[in-house]
Amino acid sequence: GSCFPKDVKAIIRTAQQHNLDFRMLRAAEEVNERQKRTLFEKVTNHFGEYLRGMKFAVWGLAFKPRTDDMREAPSLALATALVERGARVRAYDPKAMEVARPLLDERVVLCQRSYDALQGADALVVVTEWNEFREPDFEMMKALMRQPIVFDGRDIFNPEHLKSLGFQYEGIGRR
C-alpha cells in the first residue's frame, strides 16, 4: 500500500544510524520511485519530448482503487510531468477528486465523469485500476478522443481487443 515507501525509508534510516548498509532496500526504493515515471516515459517515447498543446486524459488519481488515498500516488508525478512539458491534462477518479485537487497543478482539469476527461484527448493514461474502468464503452471512447491511444498503467485492458477496435495500446510489461 501507500505506506510501503514510507516504511522502506524508515528502515533505511534506522540501518544507517546503526552503520548498516541495506542495499536491497535502497534498490527497492529506487525501483519504486522509478516506476512512478514509467507511464510518462512511455508517453514521451511515443509522442516525443515536445507535448505542448497535446491533451491527455488520466483515469485514476488515487494510489489504489476503492480509496481516496493520494500518498505516493503515481498520478501526481505523471500529471506534473505532463503539465511541465506543456500538455493539457483532464483527469477523473471515482473517489479521490477532492483529496487530489490541492495536490495537483491548477492547470489539471478535474472532470465529473470518466468520459468527460476523454473529450479531444490525444491519449488516455490509466493510472489506477478502478473496476468502472475495466469495461468501458470503447466505441464512445474512440469517438470522444482525437487519437485512440491508450497507455494502460495497470494492464486492465486486453491489448489485442483494443488493437482490433483501432486503438494503439501500450501496457506495462507488455505491448
N, C-alpha and C. Protein backbone atom coordinates (compact mmCIF):
# COMPACT_ATOMS: atom_id res chain seq x y z
N GLY A 1 0.81 -1.19 0.00
CA GLY A 1 0.00 0.00 0.00
C GLY A 1 0.85 1.25 0.00
N SER A 2 0.20 2.36 0.21
CA SER A 2 0.88 3.66 0.15
C SER A 2 1.86 3.85 1.30
N CYS A 3 1.77 3.04 2.35
CA CYS A 3 2.72 3.16 3.48
C CYS A 3 4.05 2.48 3.19
N PHE A 4 4.09 1.59 2.22
CA PHE A 4 5.31 0.85 1.94
C PHE A 4 6.52 1.76 1.70
N PRO A 5 6.40 2.79 0.83
CA PRO A 5 7.58 3.65 0.61
C PRO A 5 8.05 4.34 1.90
N LYS A 6 7.12 4.78 2.72
CA LYS A 6 7.48 5.43 3.99
C LYS A 6 8.18 4.44 4.90
N ASP A 7 7.69 3.21 4.96
CA ASP A 7 8.30 2.19 5.80
C ASP A 7 9.71 1.84 5.33
N VAL A 8 9.89 1.73 4.01
CA VAL A 8 11.21 1.42 3.46
C VAL A 8 12.20 2.53 3.83
N LYS A 9 11.79 3.79 3.65
CA LYS A 9 12.65 4.92 4.01
C LYS A 9 13.03 4.87 5.50
N ALA A 10 12.08 4.55 6.36
CA ALA A 10 12.34 4.49 7.81
C ALA A 10 13.34 3.39 8.14
N ILE A 11 13.20 2.23 7.51
CA ILE A 11 14.13 1.12 7.77
C ILE A 11 15.53 1.49 7.27
N ILE A 12 15.61 2.13 6.11
CA ILE A 12 16.92 2.55 5.59
C ILE A 12 17.58 3.53 6.55
N ARG A 13 16.82 4.50 7.05
CA ARG A 13 17.37 5.47 8.01
C ARG A 13 17.86 4.78 9.28
N THR A 14 17.06 3.87 9.80
CA THR A 14 17.44 3.14 11.00
C THR A 14 18.72 2.33 10.76
N ALA A 15 18.80 1.69 9.62
CA ALA A 15 20.01 0.92 9.27
C ALA A 15 21.23 1.82 9.22
N GLN A 16 21.08 2.99 8.60
CA GLN A 16 22.20 3.93 8.51
C GLN A 16 22.65 4.39 9.89
N GLN A 17 21.71 4.60 10.79
CA GLN A 17 22.05 5.02 12.15
C GLN A 17 22.86 3.95 12.88
N HIS A 18 22.74 2.71 12.44
CA HIS A 18 23.48 1.61 13.04
C HIS A 18 24.63 1.14 12.14
N ASN A 19 25.02 2.02 11.23
CA ASN A 19 26.12 1.74 10.30
C ASN A 19 25.92 0.46 9.49
N LEU A 20 24.69 0.21 9.11
CA LEU A 20 24.37 -0.93 8.26
C LEU A 20 23.98 -0.42 6.88
N ASP A 21 24.33 -1.18 5.88
CA ASP A 21 24.02 -0.80 4.51
C ASP A 21 23.03 -1.81 3.94
N PHE A 22 21.77 -1.43 3.87
CA PHE A 22 20.73 -2.31 3.34
C PHE A 22 20.55 -2.00 1.86
N ARG A 23 21.47 -2.47 1.03
CA ARG A 23 21.45 -2.18 -0.40
C ARG A 23 20.17 -2.67 -1.07
N MET A 24 19.68 -3.79 -0.62
CA MET A 24 18.49 -4.34 -1.25
C MET A 24 17.28 -3.41 -1.01
N LEU A 25 17.17 -2.88 0.18
CA LEU A 25 16.08 -1.94 0.46
C LEU A 25 16.24 -0.65 -0.34
N ARG A 26 17.47 -0.17 -0.45
CA ARG A 26 17.72 1.04 -1.26
C ARG A 26 17.34 0.78 -2.71
N ALA A 27 17.66 -0.41 -3.19
CA ALA A 27 17.31 -0.77 -4.56
C ALA A 27 15.79 -0.83 -4.74
N ALA A 28 15.10 -1.39 -3.75
CA ALA A 28 13.63 -1.43 -3.81
C ALA A 28 13.05 -0.02 -3.84
N GLU A 29 13.62 0.86 -3.03
CA GLU A 29 13.16 2.25 -3.00
C GLU A 29 13.39 2.91 -4.37
N GLU A 30 14.54 2.69 -4.97
CA GLU A 30 14.84 3.27 -6.28
C GLU A 30 13.91 2.74 -7.35
N VAL A 31 13.62 1.46 -7.32
CA VAL A 31 12.71 0.86 -8.30
C VAL A 31 11.31 1.44 -8.13
N ASN A 32 10.85 1.56 -6.91
CA ASN A 32 9.52 2.13 -6.67
C ASN A 32 9.42 3.57 -7.16
N GLU A 33 10.46 4.36 -6.94
CA GLU A 33 10.46 5.74 -7.42
C GLU A 33 10.50 5.78 -8.95
N ARG A 34 11.30 4.93 -9.53
CA ARG A 34 11.39 4.88 -11.00
C ARG A 34 10.06 4.47 -11.62
N GLN A 35 9.37 3.56 -10.98
CA GLN A 35 8.09 3.07 -11.52
C GLN A 35 7.08 4.20 -11.69
N LYS A 36 7.17 5.21 -10.84
CA LYS A 36 6.25 6.36 -10.95
C LYS A 36 6.45 7.12 -12.24
N ARG A 37 7.64 7.01 -12.84
CA ARG A 37 7.94 7.74 -14.08
C ARG A 37 7.70 6.90 -15.33
N THR A 38 7.38 5.63 -15.16
CA THR A 38 7.26 4.72 -16.30
C THR A 38 6.20 5.16 -17.30
N LEU A 39 5.03 5.55 -16.83
CA LEU A 39 3.98 5.95 -17.76
C LEU A 39 4.37 7.20 -18.53
N PHE A 40 4.96 8.16 -17.84
CA PHE A 40 5.39 9.37 -18.54
C PHE A 40 6.44 9.04 -19.59
N GLU A 41 7.36 8.14 -19.27
CA GLU A 41 8.38 7.73 -20.24
C GLU A 41 7.74 7.06 -21.45
N LYS A 42 6.71 6.26 -21.22
CA LYS A 42 6.01 5.64 -22.35
C LYS A 42 5.36 6.70 -23.23
N VAL A 43 4.78 7.73 -22.60
CA VAL A 43 4.16 8.82 -23.36
C VAL A 43 5.21 9.55 -24.20
N THR A 44 6.34 9.89 -23.59
CA THR A 44 7.36 10.62 -24.35
C THR A 44 8.06 9.74 -25.38
N ASN A 45 8.16 8.46 -25.13
CA ASN A 45 8.70 7.55 -26.15
C ASN A 45 7.79 7.51 -27.37
N HIS A 46 6.50 7.61 -27.12
CA HIS A 46 5.52 7.56 -28.21
C HIS A 46 5.41 8.90 -28.95
N PHE A 47 5.24 9.99 -28.19
CA PHE A 47 4.98 11.31 -28.79
C PHE A 47 6.22 12.19 -28.93
N GLY A 48 7.29 11.84 -28.24
CA GLY A 48 8.46 12.71 -28.22
C GLY A 48 8.41 13.62 -27.00
N GLU A 49 9.47 14.36 -26.81
CA GLU A 49 9.59 15.22 -25.63
C GLU A 49 8.67 16.43 -25.70
N TYR A 50 8.30 16.85 -26.89
CA TYR A 50 7.51 18.06 -27.06
C TYR A 50 6.02 17.72 -26.98
N LEU A 51 5.38 18.11 -25.88
CA LEU A 51 3.97 17.78 -25.66
C LEU A 51 3.06 19.01 -25.64
N ARG A 52 3.63 20.18 -25.90
CA ARG A 52 2.87 21.43 -25.83
C ARG A 52 1.62 21.35 -26.70
N GLY A 53 0.48 21.66 -26.07
CA GLY A 53 -0.78 21.69 -26.79
C GLY A 53 -1.49 20.34 -26.88
N MET A 54 -0.82 19.28 -26.50
CA MET A 54 -1.47 17.97 -26.52
C MET A 54 -2.37 17.84 -25.30
N LYS A 55 -3.38 17.00 -25.42
CA LYS A 55 -4.32 16.82 -24.33
C LYS A 55 -4.32 15.34 -23.91
N PHE A 56 -4.19 15.13 -22.59
CA PHE A 56 -4.16 13.77 -22.06
C PHE A 56 -5.28 13.58 -21.05
N ALA A 57 -5.98 12.47 -21.18
CA ALA A 57 -6.97 12.07 -20.19
C ALA A 57 -6.28 11.14 -19.21
N VAL A 58 -6.51 11.34 -17.92
CA VAL A 58 -5.96 10.47 -16.89
C VAL A 58 -7.12 9.86 -16.14
N TRP A 59 -7.19 8.55 -16.14
CA TRP A 59 -8.21 7.83 -15.37
C TRP A 59 -7.53 7.24 -14.14
N GLY A 60 -7.96 7.68 -12.97
CA GLY A 60 -7.44 7.17 -11.71
C GLY A 60 -6.38 8.07 -11.15
N LEU A 61 -6.66 8.66 -10.00
CA LEU A 61 -5.71 9.53 -9.31
C LEU A 61 -5.22 8.93 -8.01
N ALA A 62 -6.07 8.16 -7.34
CA ALA A 62 -5.72 7.57 -6.04
C ALA A 62 -4.59 6.56 -6.19
N PHE A 63 -3.89 6.34 -5.07
CA PHE A 63 -2.81 5.36 -5.05
C PHE A 63 -3.30 3.97 -5.44
N LYS A 64 -4.50 3.63 -4.99
CA LYS A 64 -5.09 2.33 -5.32
C LYS A 64 -6.61 2.49 -5.35
N PRO A 65 -7.31 1.55 -5.98
CA PRO A 65 -8.77 1.66 -6.08
C PRO A 65 -9.46 1.53 -4.72
N ARG A 66 -10.68 2.00 -4.71
CA ARG A 66 -11.57 1.95 -3.54
C ARG A 66 -11.07 2.78 -2.36
N THR A 67 -10.30 3.85 -2.67
CA THR A 67 -9.81 4.74 -1.64
C THR A 67 -9.59 6.13 -2.24
N ASP A 68 -9.49 7.12 -1.37
CA ASP A 68 -9.12 8.46 -1.85
C ASP A 68 -7.68 8.79 -1.45
N ASP A 69 -6.92 7.78 -1.08
CA ASP A 69 -5.54 7.95 -0.61
C ASP A 69 -4.64 8.40 -1.77
N MET A 70 -4.05 9.57 -1.61
CA MET A 70 -3.18 10.13 -2.64
C MET A 70 -1.70 10.05 -2.26
N ARG A 71 -1.39 9.48 -1.07
CA ARG A 71 0.01 9.38 -0.66
C ARG A 71 0.77 8.50 -1.64
N GLU A 72 1.87 9.03 -2.18
CA GLU A 72 2.74 8.31 -3.11
C GLU A 72 2.04 7.95 -4.42
N ALA A 73 0.92 8.60 -4.75
CA ALA A 73 0.17 8.27 -5.96
C ALA A 73 0.97 8.59 -7.22
N PRO A 74 1.15 7.62 -8.11
CA PRO A 74 1.88 7.86 -9.36
C PRO A 74 1.21 8.92 -10.24
N SER A 75 -0.08 9.11 -10.07
CA SER A 75 -0.79 10.11 -10.88
C SER A 75 -0.23 11.51 -10.67
N LEU A 76 0.26 11.80 -9.47
CA LEU A 76 0.81 13.13 -9.19
C LEU A 76 2.06 13.39 -10.03
N ALA A 77 2.96 12.42 -10.07
CA ALA A 77 4.19 12.56 -10.86
C ALA A 77 3.84 12.65 -12.35
N LEU A 78 2.91 11.85 -12.80
CA LEU A 78 2.52 11.85 -14.21
C LEU A 78 1.91 13.19 -14.61
N ALA A 79 0.89 13.63 -13.87
CA ALA A 79 0.22 14.89 -14.22
C ALA A 79 1.19 16.06 -14.18
N THR A 80 2.04 16.10 -13.17
CA THR A 80 3.02 17.17 -13.06
C THR A 80 3.97 17.18 -14.25
N ALA A 81 4.48 16.02 -14.62
CA ALA A 81 5.41 15.92 -15.75
C ALA A 81 4.74 16.33 -17.06
N LEU A 82 3.50 15.91 -17.27
CA LEU A 82 2.78 16.28 -18.49
C LEU A 82 2.58 17.79 -18.57
N VAL A 83 2.14 18.39 -17.47
CA VAL A 83 1.90 19.83 -17.44
C VAL A 83 3.21 20.60 -17.65
N GLU A 84 4.28 20.12 -17.02
CA GLU A 84 5.58 20.78 -17.18
C GLU A 84 6.07 20.77 -18.62
N ARG A 85 5.65 19.77 -19.39
CA ARG A 85 6.02 19.69 -20.81
C ARG A 85 5.03 20.41 -21.72
N GLY A 86 4.06 21.09 -21.11
CA GLY A 86 3.12 21.90 -21.90
C GLY A 86 1.84 21.21 -22.29
N ALA A 87 1.63 20.00 -21.82
CA ALA A 87 0.40 19.28 -22.15
C ALA A 87 -0.76 19.77 -21.29
N ARG A 88 -1.95 19.55 -21.79
CA ARG A 88 -3.16 19.81 -21.01
C ARG A 88 -3.64 18.46 -20.47
N VAL A 89 -4.06 18.46 -19.21
CA VAL A 89 -4.46 17.21 -18.55
C VAL A 89 -5.88 17.36 -18.01
N ARG A 90 -6.70 16.37 -18.34
CA ARG A 90 -8.06 16.27 -17.80
C ARG A 90 -8.12 14.93 -17.07
N ALA A 91 -8.51 14.94 -15.82
CA ALA A 91 -8.42 13.72 -15.00
C ALA A 91 -9.75 13.40 -14.33
N TYR A 92 -9.90 12.12 -14.01
CA TYR A 92 -11.09 11.65 -13.30
C TYR A 92 -10.69 10.51 -12.36
N ASP A 93 -11.29 10.52 -11.18
CA ASP A 93 -11.16 9.43 -10.21
C ASP A 93 -12.49 9.33 -9.47
N PRO A 94 -13.01 8.12 -9.26
CA PRO A 94 -14.30 7.98 -8.58
C PRO A 94 -14.35 8.49 -7.15
N LYS A 95 -13.22 8.48 -6.42
CA LYS A 95 -13.25 8.88 -5.01
C LYS A 95 -12.25 9.96 -4.62
N ALA A 96 -11.17 10.11 -5.33
CA ALA A 96 -10.05 10.93 -4.84
C ALA A 96 -10.04 12.37 -5.36
N MET A 97 -11.08 12.81 -6.01
CA MET A 97 -11.06 14.14 -6.63
C MET A 97 -10.79 15.26 -5.63
N GLU A 98 -11.49 15.27 -4.52
CA GLU A 98 -11.33 16.35 -3.55
C GLU A 98 -9.97 16.32 -2.86
N VAL A 99 -9.47 15.12 -2.60
CA VAL A 99 -8.15 14.99 -1.99
C VAL A 99 -7.07 15.38 -3.01
N ALA A 100 -7.30 15.05 -4.27
CA ALA A 100 -6.31 15.34 -5.31
C ALA A 100 -6.24 16.82 -5.65
N ARG A 101 -7.36 17.51 -5.57
CA ARG A 101 -7.43 18.91 -6.04
C ARG A 101 -6.29 19.78 -5.50
N PRO A 102 -6.04 19.84 -4.19
CA PRO A 102 -4.96 20.72 -3.71
C PRO A 102 -3.55 20.19 -4.02
N LEU A 103 -3.43 18.94 -4.42
CA LEU A 103 -2.12 18.35 -4.70
C LEU A 103 -1.69 18.52 -6.15
N LEU A 104 -2.64 18.78 -7.01
CA LEU A 104 -2.36 18.88 -8.44
C LEU A 104 -2.18 20.32 -8.87
N ASP A 105 -1.44 20.48 -9.94
CA ASP A 105 -1.29 21.78 -10.57
C ASP A 105 -2.69 22.30 -10.92
N GLU A 106 -2.91 23.59 -10.74
CA GLU A 106 -4.23 24.15 -11.03
C GLU A 106 -4.60 24.02 -12.50
N ARG A 107 -3.62 23.73 -13.35
CA ARG A 107 -3.91 23.54 -14.78
C ARG A 107 -4.50 22.16 -15.08
N VAL A 108 -4.48 21.24 -14.13
CA VAL A 108 -5.10 19.93 -14.33
C VAL A 108 -6.60 20.10 -14.09
N VAL A 109 -7.39 19.77 -15.11
CA VAL A 109 -8.84 19.89 -15.03
C VAL A 109 -9.40 18.59 -14.46
N LEU A 110 -10.13 18.69 -13.36
CA LEU A 110 -10.77 17.51 -12.77
C LEU A 110 -12.19 17.41 -13.32
N CYS A 111 -12.51 16.27 -13.89
CA CYS A 111 -13.78 16.07 -14.58
C CYS A 111 -14.77 15.31 -13.71
N GLN A 112 -16.04 15.52 -13.99
CA GLN A 112 -17.11 14.87 -13.22
C GLN A 112 -17.31 13.40 -13.60
N ARG A 113 -16.98 13.06 -14.84
CA ARG A 113 -17.15 11.68 -15.32
C ARG A 113 -15.91 11.25 -16.09
N SER A 114 -15.68 9.96 -16.14
CA SER A 114 -14.50 9.45 -16.85
C SER A 114 -14.52 9.84 -18.32
N TYR A 115 -15.68 9.76 -18.96
CA TYR A 115 -15.76 10.08 -20.38
C TYR A 115 -15.53 11.57 -20.64
N ASP A 116 -15.84 12.43 -19.67
CA ASP A 116 -15.58 13.87 -19.83
C ASP A 116 -14.09 14.13 -20.02
N ALA A 117 -13.26 13.36 -19.35
CA ALA A 117 -11.81 13.54 -19.45
C ALA A 117 -11.30 13.20 -20.85
N LEU A 118 -12.03 12.38 -21.58
CA LEU A 118 -11.58 11.92 -22.89
C LEU A 118 -11.83 12.92 -24.01
N GLN A 119 -12.66 13.92 -23.78
CA GLN A 119 -13.06 14.87 -24.83
C GLN A 119 -11.83 15.50 -25.49
N GLY A 120 -11.60 15.16 -26.76
CA GLY A 120 -10.50 15.73 -27.53
C GLY A 120 -9.12 15.25 -27.12
N ALA A 121 -9.03 14.18 -26.34
CA ALA A 121 -7.74 13.70 -25.84
C ALA A 121 -6.90 13.07 -26.94
N ASP A 122 -5.61 13.35 -26.87
CA ASP A 122 -4.67 12.68 -27.76
C ASP A 122 -4.34 11.28 -27.26
N ALA A 123 -4.57 11.04 -25.97
CA ALA A 123 -4.33 9.72 -25.40
C ALA A 123 -4.99 9.63 -24.03
N LEU A 124 -5.31 8.41 -23.64
CA LEU A 124 -5.78 8.09 -22.30
C LEU A 124 -4.66 7.40 -21.56
N VAL A 125 -4.44 7.82 -20.31
CA VAL A 125 -3.47 7.14 -19.46
C VAL A 125 -4.23 6.60 -18.25
N VAL A 126 -4.26 5.28 -18.11
CA VAL A 126 -4.92 4.64 -16.97
C VAL A 126 -3.89 4.46 -15.87
N VAL A 127 -4.16 5.08 -14.72
CA VAL A 127 -3.18 5.06 -13.63
C VAL A 127 -3.65 4.17 -12.48
N THR A 128 -4.94 4.17 -12.19
CA THR A 128 -5.48 3.38 -11.07
C THR A 128 -6.53 2.42 -11.64
N GLU A 129 -6.50 1.18 -11.21
CA GLU A 129 -7.34 0.13 -11.79
C GLU A 129 -8.73 0.03 -11.16
N TRP A 130 -9.48 1.10 -11.19
CA TRP A 130 -10.85 1.08 -10.70
C TRP A 130 -11.68 0.12 -11.55
N ASN A 131 -12.62 -0.62 -10.92
CA ASN A 131 -13.46 -1.56 -11.65
C ASN A 131 -14.24 -0.88 -12.77
N GLU A 132 -14.70 0.36 -12.55
CA GLU A 132 -15.51 1.02 -13.56
C GLU A 132 -14.71 1.31 -14.84
N PHE A 133 -13.40 1.24 -14.79
CA PHE A 133 -12.58 1.47 -15.98
C PHE A 133 -12.37 0.19 -16.78
N ARG A 134 -12.65 -0.94 -16.20
CA ARG A 134 -12.30 -2.22 -16.82
C ARG A 134 -13.10 -2.57 -18.07
N GLU A 135 -14.34 -2.13 -18.14
CA GLU A 135 -15.17 -2.46 -19.31
C GLU A 135 -15.88 -1.21 -19.81
N PRO A 136 -15.11 -0.26 -20.32
CA PRO A 136 -15.73 0.97 -20.81
C PRO A 136 -16.37 0.75 -22.18
N ASP A 137 -17.08 1.74 -22.64
CA ASP A 137 -17.64 1.75 -23.98
C ASP A 137 -16.53 2.23 -24.92
N PHE A 138 -15.83 1.29 -25.53
CA PHE A 138 -14.67 1.63 -26.34
C PHE A 138 -15.06 2.45 -27.57
N GLU A 139 -16.23 2.19 -28.14
CA GLU A 139 -16.67 2.98 -29.30
C GLU A 139 -16.89 4.44 -28.89
N MET A 140 -17.49 4.66 -27.71
CA MET A 140 -17.67 6.02 -27.23
C MET A 140 -16.32 6.67 -26.97
N MET A 141 -15.42 5.92 -26.36
CA MET A 141 -14.07 6.44 -26.11
C MET A 141 -13.43 6.91 -27.41
N LYS A 142 -13.49 6.06 -28.41
CA LYS A 142 -12.86 6.36 -29.69
C LYS A 142 -13.49 7.60 -30.32
N ALA A 143 -14.80 7.75 -30.18
CA ALA A 143 -15.49 8.91 -30.75
C ALA A 143 -15.11 10.20 -30.02
N LEU A 144 -14.84 10.12 -28.74
CA LEU A 144 -14.52 11.30 -27.94
C LEU A 144 -13.07 11.75 -28.11
N MET A 145 -12.19 10.80 -28.36
CA MET A 145 -10.75 11.09 -28.40
C MET A 145 -10.31 11.61 -29.76
N ARG A 146 -9.34 12.50 -29.76
CA ARG A 146 -8.75 12.97 -31.01
C ARG A 146 -7.91 11.85 -31.63
N GLN A 147 -7.20 11.12 -30.78
CA GLN A 147 -6.41 9.97 -31.22
C GLN A 147 -6.73 8.80 -30.29
N PRO A 148 -7.04 7.64 -30.84
CA PRO A 148 -7.37 6.48 -29.98
C PRO A 148 -6.11 5.76 -29.49
N ILE A 149 -5.46 6.36 -28.49
CA ILE A 149 -4.23 5.81 -27.94
C ILE A 149 -4.43 5.60 -26.45
N VAL A 150 -4.08 4.42 -25.95
CA VAL A 150 -4.23 4.10 -24.53
C VAL A 150 -2.89 3.66 -23.96
N PHE A 151 -2.49 4.33 -22.87
CA PHE A 151 -1.35 3.90 -22.07
C PHE A 151 -1.95 3.29 -20.81
N ASP A 152 -1.88 1.99 -20.71
CA ASP A 152 -2.55 1.25 -19.65
C ASP A 152 -1.56 0.90 -18.55
N GLY A 153 -1.49 1.75 -17.54
CA GLY A 153 -0.54 1.58 -16.45
C GLY A 153 -0.87 0.45 -15.50
N ARG A 154 -2.02 -0.16 -15.63
CA ARG A 154 -2.40 -1.25 -14.74
C ARG A 154 -2.74 -2.53 -15.51
N ASP A 155 -2.52 -2.53 -16.81
CA ASP A 155 -2.80 -3.70 -17.66
C ASP A 155 -4.21 -4.24 -17.45
N ILE A 156 -5.19 -3.34 -17.44
CA ILE A 156 -6.58 -3.78 -17.23
C ILE A 156 -7.29 -4.12 -18.54
N PHE A 157 -6.71 -3.70 -19.67
CA PHE A 157 -7.35 -3.96 -20.96
C PHE A 157 -6.61 -5.06 -21.72
N ASN A 158 -7.35 -5.73 -22.57
CA ASN A 158 -6.77 -6.75 -23.45
C ASN A 158 -6.17 -6.03 -24.66
N PRO A 159 -4.85 -6.08 -24.81
CA PRO A 159 -4.21 -5.34 -25.91
C PRO A 159 -4.74 -5.72 -27.29
N GLU A 160 -4.95 -7.01 -27.53
CA GLU A 160 -5.42 -7.45 -28.84
C GLU A 160 -6.82 -6.95 -29.13
N HIS A 161 -7.68 -6.92 -28.10
CA HIS A 161 -9.04 -6.42 -28.27
C HIS A 161 -9.02 -4.94 -28.65
N LEU A 162 -8.22 -4.16 -27.93
CA LEU A 162 -8.13 -2.72 -28.24
C LEU A 162 -7.58 -2.50 -29.63
N LYS A 163 -6.55 -3.23 -29.99
CA LYS A 163 -5.97 -3.09 -31.32
C LYS A 163 -6.99 -3.44 -32.40
N SER A 164 -7.82 -4.47 -32.15
CA SER A 164 -8.84 -4.85 -33.13
C SER A 164 -9.90 -3.76 -33.29
N LEU A 165 -10.06 -2.91 -32.28
CA LEU A 165 -11.01 -1.80 -32.34
C LEU A 165 -10.39 -0.52 -32.91
N GLY A 166 -9.11 -0.59 -33.26
CA GLY A 166 -8.45 0.56 -33.86
C GLY A 166 -7.68 1.44 -32.90
N PHE A 167 -7.47 0.98 -31.68
CA PHE A 167 -6.69 1.73 -30.70
C PHE A 167 -5.21 1.35 -30.82
N GLN A 168 -4.35 2.30 -30.52
CA GLN A 168 -2.96 1.99 -30.26
C GLN A 168 -2.87 1.74 -28.75
N TYR A 169 -2.11 0.74 -28.35
CA TYR A 169 -2.08 0.31 -26.94
C TYR A 169 -0.66 0.16 -26.46
N GLU A 170 -0.41 0.68 -25.28
CA GLU A 170 0.87 0.46 -24.58
C GLU A 170 0.53 0.07 -23.14
N GLY A 171 0.99 -1.10 -22.74
CA GLY A 171 0.79 -1.54 -21.36
C GLY A 171 2.11 -1.46 -20.58
N ILE A 172 2.07 -1.98 -19.40
CA ILE A 172 3.27 -2.07 -18.57
C ILE A 172 3.74 -3.52 -18.63
N GLY A 173 4.94 -3.73 -19.11
CA GLY A 173 5.48 -5.08 -19.17
C GLY A 173 4.99 -5.89 -20.35
N ARG A 174 4.15 -5.29 -21.17
CA ARG A 174 3.70 -5.94 -22.40
C ARG A 174 3.37 -4.86 -23.42
N ARG A 175 3.28 -5.21 -24.66
CA ARG A 175 2.98 -4.22 -25.72
C ARG A 175 1.62 -4.42 -26.30
